[in-house]
Amino acid sequence: MIVHETSDTRQSRARIWNAMLGGGEAYEDDRFVLQKLKAIAPDVSLLAVHEVEFIERAWRHIVGRRGIRQVIYCGAPIPPGAPPHAADLESIALGRLERVVYLEPDAVLSAKGAGYLADNIATVRHVDPLDLPKVDAKLKHYLVWDEPVAIVAPGVLHWLGEDAAREWLRDLSTMFPQGGYLIASHFLDPEPADPAVVVLVEQLIQRLDSTGVLAGGFFRRAAAIEALFDGWDLIGPGVVPARDWWPHGPKLLHIETPCDRLMAGVVATIPRSP
């Protein structure tokens, strides 16, 4: 999770997301916040579930089909299962995936992630992914800079205002070589405007803002999310609910609930820097 508040707040966001995925990292106050969200949307945990499944599918597509060999992951996640890169064992076994760097701004999560995530191809760096000059300095010895990279950014853009999100994306395009990819998730304000879903989104925003630890998130329409990627090429199907992002396979058969439509997934190619 990428946040600019206290260390405890950073941990809380990550722990709440871990609880949504069925993990055991959350404290009592984290579970209290999650129960408040579930009182509004009993299936709110689908936001985290669909995000993780989308990232796994997009990761396999970018590494397995598009030949990317190095991945930067924004955050040091604490999922209940295997580390994100370990879900792609086929690419590791075939030598397609060569290096993964997790970027975590919180010292506690960075230290914990170093023990949980690091292995012969993955490392954890204590740095804020939003501070790209420092990221540049931290990554010099871990990446091959003339080769394209995939940047995985879960839970980044929807905590940023529009100007800050555009600036971060613009700076990414100048920092990394053309031919790489960005895999990103974003809270989604779905269309068409179902009155029940509109009310649900408003209630979730109010609850998120009232918690403190989850304040400041933006639910944006698909067109508004796409507009952030000015100059980028989006890989089909573009900005869609995360569960529907699957360019080379069938959609998952699932009885839809409102929270199925509240997390978007998008994969874009890093453009030539201006």
Protein backbone atom coordinates (compact mmCIF):
# COMPACT_ATOMS: atom_id res chain seq x y z
CA MET A 1 0.00 0.00 0.00
CA ILE A 2 1.25 3.46 -0.85
CA VAL A 3 0.28 6.16 1.65
CA HIS A 4 1.74 9.37 3.02
CA GLU A 5 0.77 9.26 6.67
CA THR A 6 2.05 7.61 9.84
CA SER A 7 3.80 4.27 9.87
CA ASP A 8 0.86 2.74 11.72
CA THR A 9 -1.54 3.98 9.03
CA ARG A 10 0.57 2.43 6.29
CA GLN A 11 0.54 -0.89 8.09
CA SER A 12 -3.20 -0.69 8.68
CA ARG A 13 -4.07 -0.34 5.01
CA ALA A 14 -1.93 -3.33 4.14
CA ARG A 15 -3.32 -5.37 7.04
CA ILE A 16 -6.94 -4.56 6.11
CA TRP A 17 -6.25 -5.69 2.54
CA ASN A 18 -4.66 -8.86 3.93
CA ALA A 19 -7.79 -9.50 6.01
CA MET A 20 -9.97 -9.06 2.90
CA LEU A 21 -7.96 -11.86 1.31
CA GLY A 22 -8.46 -14.15 4.30
CA GLY A 23 -5.03 -13.62 5.85
CA GLY A 24 -4.17 -13.45 9.53
CA GLU A 25 -2.07 -10.28 9.67
CA ALA A 26 -4.82 -7.87 10.76
CA TYR A 27 -5.10 -6.51 14.30
CA GLU A 28 -8.37 -6.02 16.14
CA ASP A 29 -8.69 -2.37 15.06
CA ASP A 30 -8.08 -3.35 11.41
CA ARG A 31 -10.83 -5.96 11.56
CA PHE A 32 -13.10 -3.38 13.18
CA VAL A 33 -12.64 -1.10 10.15
CA LEU A 34 -13.26 -4.02 7.79
CA GLN A 35 -16.47 -4.92 9.60
CA LYS A 36 -17.66 -1.33 9.19
CA LEU A 37 -17.07 -1.64 5.44
CA LYS A 38 -18.83 -5.00 5.34
CA ALA A 39 -21.84 -3.47 7.07
CA ILE A 40 -22.23 -1.32 3.95
CA ALA A 41 -21.14 -3.93 1.39
CA PRO A 42 -21.00 -7.51 2.70
CA ASP A 43 -18.93 -8.54 -0.32
CA VAL A 44 -16.42 -5.66 -0.08
CA SER A 45 -13.56 -8.17 0.13
CA LEU A 46 -14.10 -8.82 -3.59
CA LEU A 47 -12.21 -5.59 -4.26
CA ALA A 48 -9.04 -7.20 -2.95
CA VAL A 49 -9.78 -10.63 -4.42
CA HIS A 50 -10.38 -9.29 -7.93
CA GLU A 51 -7.31 -7.04 -7.71
CA VAL A 52 -5.02 -9.93 -6.81
CA GLU A 53 -6.47 -12.23 -9.47
CA PHE A 54 -6.19 -9.48 -12.10
CA ILE A 55 -2.54 -8.85 -11.22
CA GLU A 56 -1.77 -12.57 -11.49
CA ARG A 57 -3.38 -12.82 -14.93
CA ALA A 58 -1.80 -9.60 -16.22
CA TRP A 59 1.60 -10.64 -14.81
CA ARG A 60 1.46 -13.99 -16.64
CA HIS A 61 0.39 -12.23 -19.83
CA ILE A 62 3.18 -9.63 -19.72
CA VAL A 63 5.95 -12.03 -18.71
CA GLY A 64 4.78 -15.18 -20.47
CA ARG A 65 3.40 -13.71 -23.72
CA ARG A 66 5.20 -10.38 -24.04
CA GLY A 67 8.63 -11.45 -22.86
CA ILE A 68 9.27 -9.02 -19.99
CA ARG A 69 12.01 -10.38 -17.72
CA GLN A 70 12.12 -7.81 -14.91
CA VAL A 71 9.28 -6.57 -12.71
CA ILE A 72 8.97 -3.68 -10.25
CA TYR A 73 6.19 -4.11 -7.68
CA CYS A 74 4.98 -0.99 -5.84
CA GLY A 75 4.66 -2.15 -2.24
CA ALA A 76 5.72 -5.13 -0.19
CA PRO A 77 2.43 -7.05 -0.06
CA ILE A 78 1.48 -9.41 2.76
CA PRO A 79 -0.91 -11.77 0.98
CA PRO A 80 -2.14 -14.87 2.80
CA GLY A 81 -0.56 -17.13 0.19
CA ALA A 82 2.66 -17.18 -1.80
CA PRO A 83 4.46 -13.96 -2.83
CA PRO A 84 3.15 -12.44 -6.08
CA HIS A 85 6.12 -13.51 -8.17
CA ALA A 86 5.89 -17.09 -6.86
CA ALA A 87 2.47 -17.41 -8.51
CA ASP A 88 4.31 -17.43 -11.86
CA LEU A 89 6.42 -20.52 -11.27
CA GLU A 90 6.33 -21.48 -14.95
CA SER A 91 8.11 -18.28 -15.99
CA ILE A 92 10.69 -18.73 -13.24
CA ALA A 93 11.31 -22.33 -14.25
CA LEU A 94 11.69 -21.39 -17.92
CA GLY A 95 13.96 -18.45 -17.13
CA ARG A 96 11.54 -15.85 -18.48
CA LEU A 97 11.41 -13.97 -15.17
CA GLU A 98 14.87 -12.91 -14.02
CA ARG A 99 14.47 -10.18 -11.40
CA VAL A 100 11.72 -8.68 -9.23
CA VAL A 101 12.08 -5.61 -7.02
CA TYR A 102 9.46 -4.74 -4.40
CA LEU A 103 9.41 -1.04 -3.41
CA GLU A 104 7.99 -0.33 0.06
CA PRO A 105 7.96 3.10 1.78
CA ASP A 106 7.26 1.80 5.29
CA ALA A 107 10.29 0.58 7.26
CA VAL A 108 8.33 -2.08 9.17
CA LEU A 109 6.71 -3.56 6.08
CA SER A 110 9.98 -3.33 4.17
CA ALA A 111 11.80 -5.31 6.84
CA LYS A 112 9.01 -7.87 7.06
CA GLY A 113 8.82 -8.13 3.29
CA ALA A 114 12.55 -8.75 3.05
CA GLY A 115 12.06 -11.97 4.99
CA TYR A 116 8.87 -13.00 3.22
CA LEU A 117 9.38 -11.88 -0.38
CA ALA A 118 13.12 -11.94 -1.05
CA ASP A 119 14.69 -14.95 -2.78
CA ASN A 120 17.15 -15.66 -5.56
CA ILE A 121 15.30 -13.41 -8.05
CA ALA A 122 13.41 -10.99 -5.78
CA THR A 123 14.56 -8.23 -3.45
CA VAL A 124 12.83 -5.60 -1.30
CA ARG A 125 13.95 -1.95 -1.30
CA HIS A 126 12.88 0.55 1.36
CA VAL A 127 11.78 3.46 -0.85
CA ASP A 128 8.55 5.25 -1.72
CA PRO A 129 7.48 4.29 -5.27
CA LEU A 130 6.04 7.79 -5.66
CA ASP A 131 9.49 9.34 -5.14
CA LEU A 132 10.94 8.41 -8.52
CA PRO A 133 14.35 10.10 -8.13
CA LYS A 134 14.98 7.96 -5.03
CA VAL A 135 13.60 4.91 -6.84
CA ASP A 136 16.11 5.56 -9.60
CA ALA A 137 18.96 5.59 -7.10
CA LYS A 138 17.75 2.43 -5.31
CA LEU A 139 17.32 0.41 -8.51
CA LYS A 140 20.62 1.17 -10.23
CA HIS A 141 22.21 -2.11 -9.15
CA TYR A 142 19.15 -4.34 -9.58
CA LEU A 143 17.83 -3.68 -13.08
CA VAL A 144 19.20 -3.81 -16.59
CA TRP A 145 18.26 -0.29 -17.60
CA ASP A 146 18.28 -0.76 -21.36
CA GLU A 147 15.72 -3.59 -21.11
CA PRO A 148 11.97 -2.98 -20.66
CA VAL A 149 10.31 -3.54 -17.30
CA ALA A 150 6.82 -4.26 -16.02
CA ILE A 151 5.68 -2.02 -13.17
CA VAL A 152 2.92 -3.46 -10.99
CA ALA A 153 1.06 -0.70 -9.12
CA PRO A 154 -1.84 -1.99 -7.04
CA GLY A 155 -3.57 0.58 -4.86
CA VAL A 156 -1.51 3.56 -6.06
CA LEU A 157 -3.48 5.69 -8.52
CA HIS A 158 -6.77 5.75 -6.61
CA TRP A 159 -5.09 7.39 -3.60
CA LEU A 160 -3.75 10.23 -5.76
CA GLY A 161 -5.52 13.35 -6.98
CA GLU A 162 -5.82 13.74 -10.73
CA ASP A 163 -2.83 16.06 -11.13
CA ALA A 164 -0.59 13.92 -8.92
CA ALA A 165 -1.61 10.73 -10.76
CA ARG A 166 -0.89 12.30 -14.16
CA GLU A 167 2.47 13.60 -12.97
CA TRP A 168 3.52 10.20 -11.59
CA LEU A 169 2.57 8.47 -14.84
CA ARG A 170 4.34 11.12 -16.90
CA ASP A 171 7.51 10.77 -14.81
CA LEU A 172 7.38 6.98 -15.15
CA SER A 173 7.41 7.34 -18.92
CA THR A 174 10.56 9.46 -18.79
CA MET A 175 12.34 7.18 -16.31
CA PHE A 176 11.85 3.74 -17.89
CA PRO A 177 12.54 2.65 -21.47
CA GLN A 178 9.84 2.37 -24.09
CA GLY A 179 8.45 -1.13 -24.49
CA GLY A 180 7.71 -1.80 -20.84
CA TYR A 181 4.31 -2.06 -19.19
CA LEU A 182 2.33 -0.76 -16.25
CA ILE A 183 -0.18 -3.04 -14.51
CA ALA A 184 -2.44 -0.92 -12.30
CA SER A 185 -5.65 -1.21 -10.31
CA HIS A 186 -8.05 1.62 -9.48
CA PHE A 187 -11.29 2.04 -7.51
CA LEU A 188 -14.03 2.15 -10.16
CA ASP A 189 -17.24 4.17 -10.28
CA PRO A 190 -19.10 1.86 -12.67
CA GLU A 191 -21.39 2.65 -15.55
CA PRO A 192 -24.23 2.60 -16.37
CA ALA A 193 -25.24 4.48 -13.25
CA ASP A 194 -27.32 1.97 -11.28
CA PRO A 195 -28.90 4.01 -8.45
CA ALA A 196 -28.17 1.25 -5.93
CA VAL A 197 -24.49 1.18 -6.92
CA VAL A 198 -24.28 4.99 -6.82
CA VAL A 199 -25.53 4.93 -3.24
CA LEU A 200 -23.13 2.10 -2.38
CA VAL A 201 -20.13 4.03 -3.73
CA GLU A 202 -21.15 7.17 -1.84
CA GLN A 203 -21.52 5.18 1.39
CA LEU A 204 -18.14 3.51 0.93
CA ILE A 205 -16.44 6.85 0.26
CA GLN A 206 -17.99 8.31 3.42
CA ARG A 207 -16.89 5.29 5.45
CA LEU A 208 -13.38 5.32 3.97
CA ASP A 209 -13.01 9.01 4.77
CA SER A 210 -14.27 8.50 8.33
CA THR A 211 -11.77 5.75 9.12
CA GLY A 212 -8.70 7.96 8.79
CA VAL A 213 -6.51 5.04 7.69
CA LEU A 214 -8.43 4.68 4.43
CA ALA A 215 -9.25 8.34 3.82
CA GLY A 216 -8.72 10.07 0.50
CA GLY A 217 -9.51 7.35 -2.02
CA PHE A 218 -11.05 8.21 -5.41
CA PHE A 219 -13.66 6.12 -7.25
CA ARG A 220 -13.31 7.26 -10.86
CA ARG A 221 -15.31 6.44 -13.98
CA ALA A 222 -13.52 4.35 -16.62
CA ALA A 223 -13.18 7.37 -18.93
CA ALA A 224 -11.56 9.40 -16.14
CA ILE A 225 -9.09 6.60 -15.40
CA GLU A 226 -8.26 6.27 -19.09
CA ALA A 227 -7.71 10.04 -19.29
CA LEU A 228 -4.91 9.75 -16.71
CA PHE A 229 -2.94 7.70 -19.26
CA ASP A 230 -2.47 10.50 -21.77
CA GLY A 231 0.04 9.32 -24.37
CA TRP A 232 -0.02 5.69 -23.20
CA ASP A 233 -1.42 2.79 -25.22
CA LEU A 234 -3.85 0.63 -23.24
CA ILE A 235 -3.81 -3.10 -23.89
CA GLY A 236 -7.26 -4.49 -24.68
CA PRO A 237 -9.78 -4.62 -23.16
CA GLY A 238 -8.67 -1.25 -21.70
CA VAL A 239 -10.09 0.03 -18.41
CA VAL A 240 -12.57 -2.60 -17.25
CA PRO A 241 -13.66 -4.19 -13.98
CA ALA A 242 -10.62 -6.12 -12.77
CA ARG A 243 -12.39 -9.46 -12.98
CA ASP A 244 -12.98 -8.88 -16.72
CA TRP A 245 -9.37 -8.12 -17.68
CA TRP A 246 -8.36 -11.28 -19.50
CA PRO A 247 -7.26 -10.68 -23.08
CA HIS A 248 -6.57 -14.34 -23.94
CA GLY A 249 -9.16 -16.33 -22.04
CA PRO A 250 -12.83 -16.56 -21.05
CA LYS A 251 -14.47 -14.36 -18.47
CA LEU A 252 -14.93 -16.03 -15.11
CA LEU A 253 -18.44 -17.36 -14.61
CA HIS A 254 -19.72 -15.72 -11.47
CA ILE A 255 -23.02 -14.38 -10.15
CA GLU A 256 -22.36 -10.65 -10.21
CA THR A 257 -22.60 -8.54 -7.08
CA PRO A 258 -22.09 -4.75 -6.85
CA CYS A 259 -18.52 -5.04 -5.57
CA ASP A 260 -17.56 -7.02 -8.67
CA ARG A 261 -17.68 -3.71 -10.53
CA LEU A 262 -15.86 -1.43 -8.06
CA MET A 263 -12.24 -2.34 -8.84
CA ALA A 264 -10.79 -1.64 -12.28
CA GLY A 265 -7.77 -3.16 -13.93
CA VAL A 266 -5.67 -1.54 -16.64
CA VAL A 267 -2.48 -2.52 -18.45
CA ALA A 268 -0.64 0.06 -20.54
CA THR A 269 2.57 0.20 -22.54
CA ILE A 270 5.20 2.68 -21.43
CA PRO A 271 5.41 5.29 -24.20
CA ARG A 272 8.44 6.93 -25.69
CA SER A 273 9.48 9.73 -23.34
CA PRO A 274 8.69 13.24 -24.64
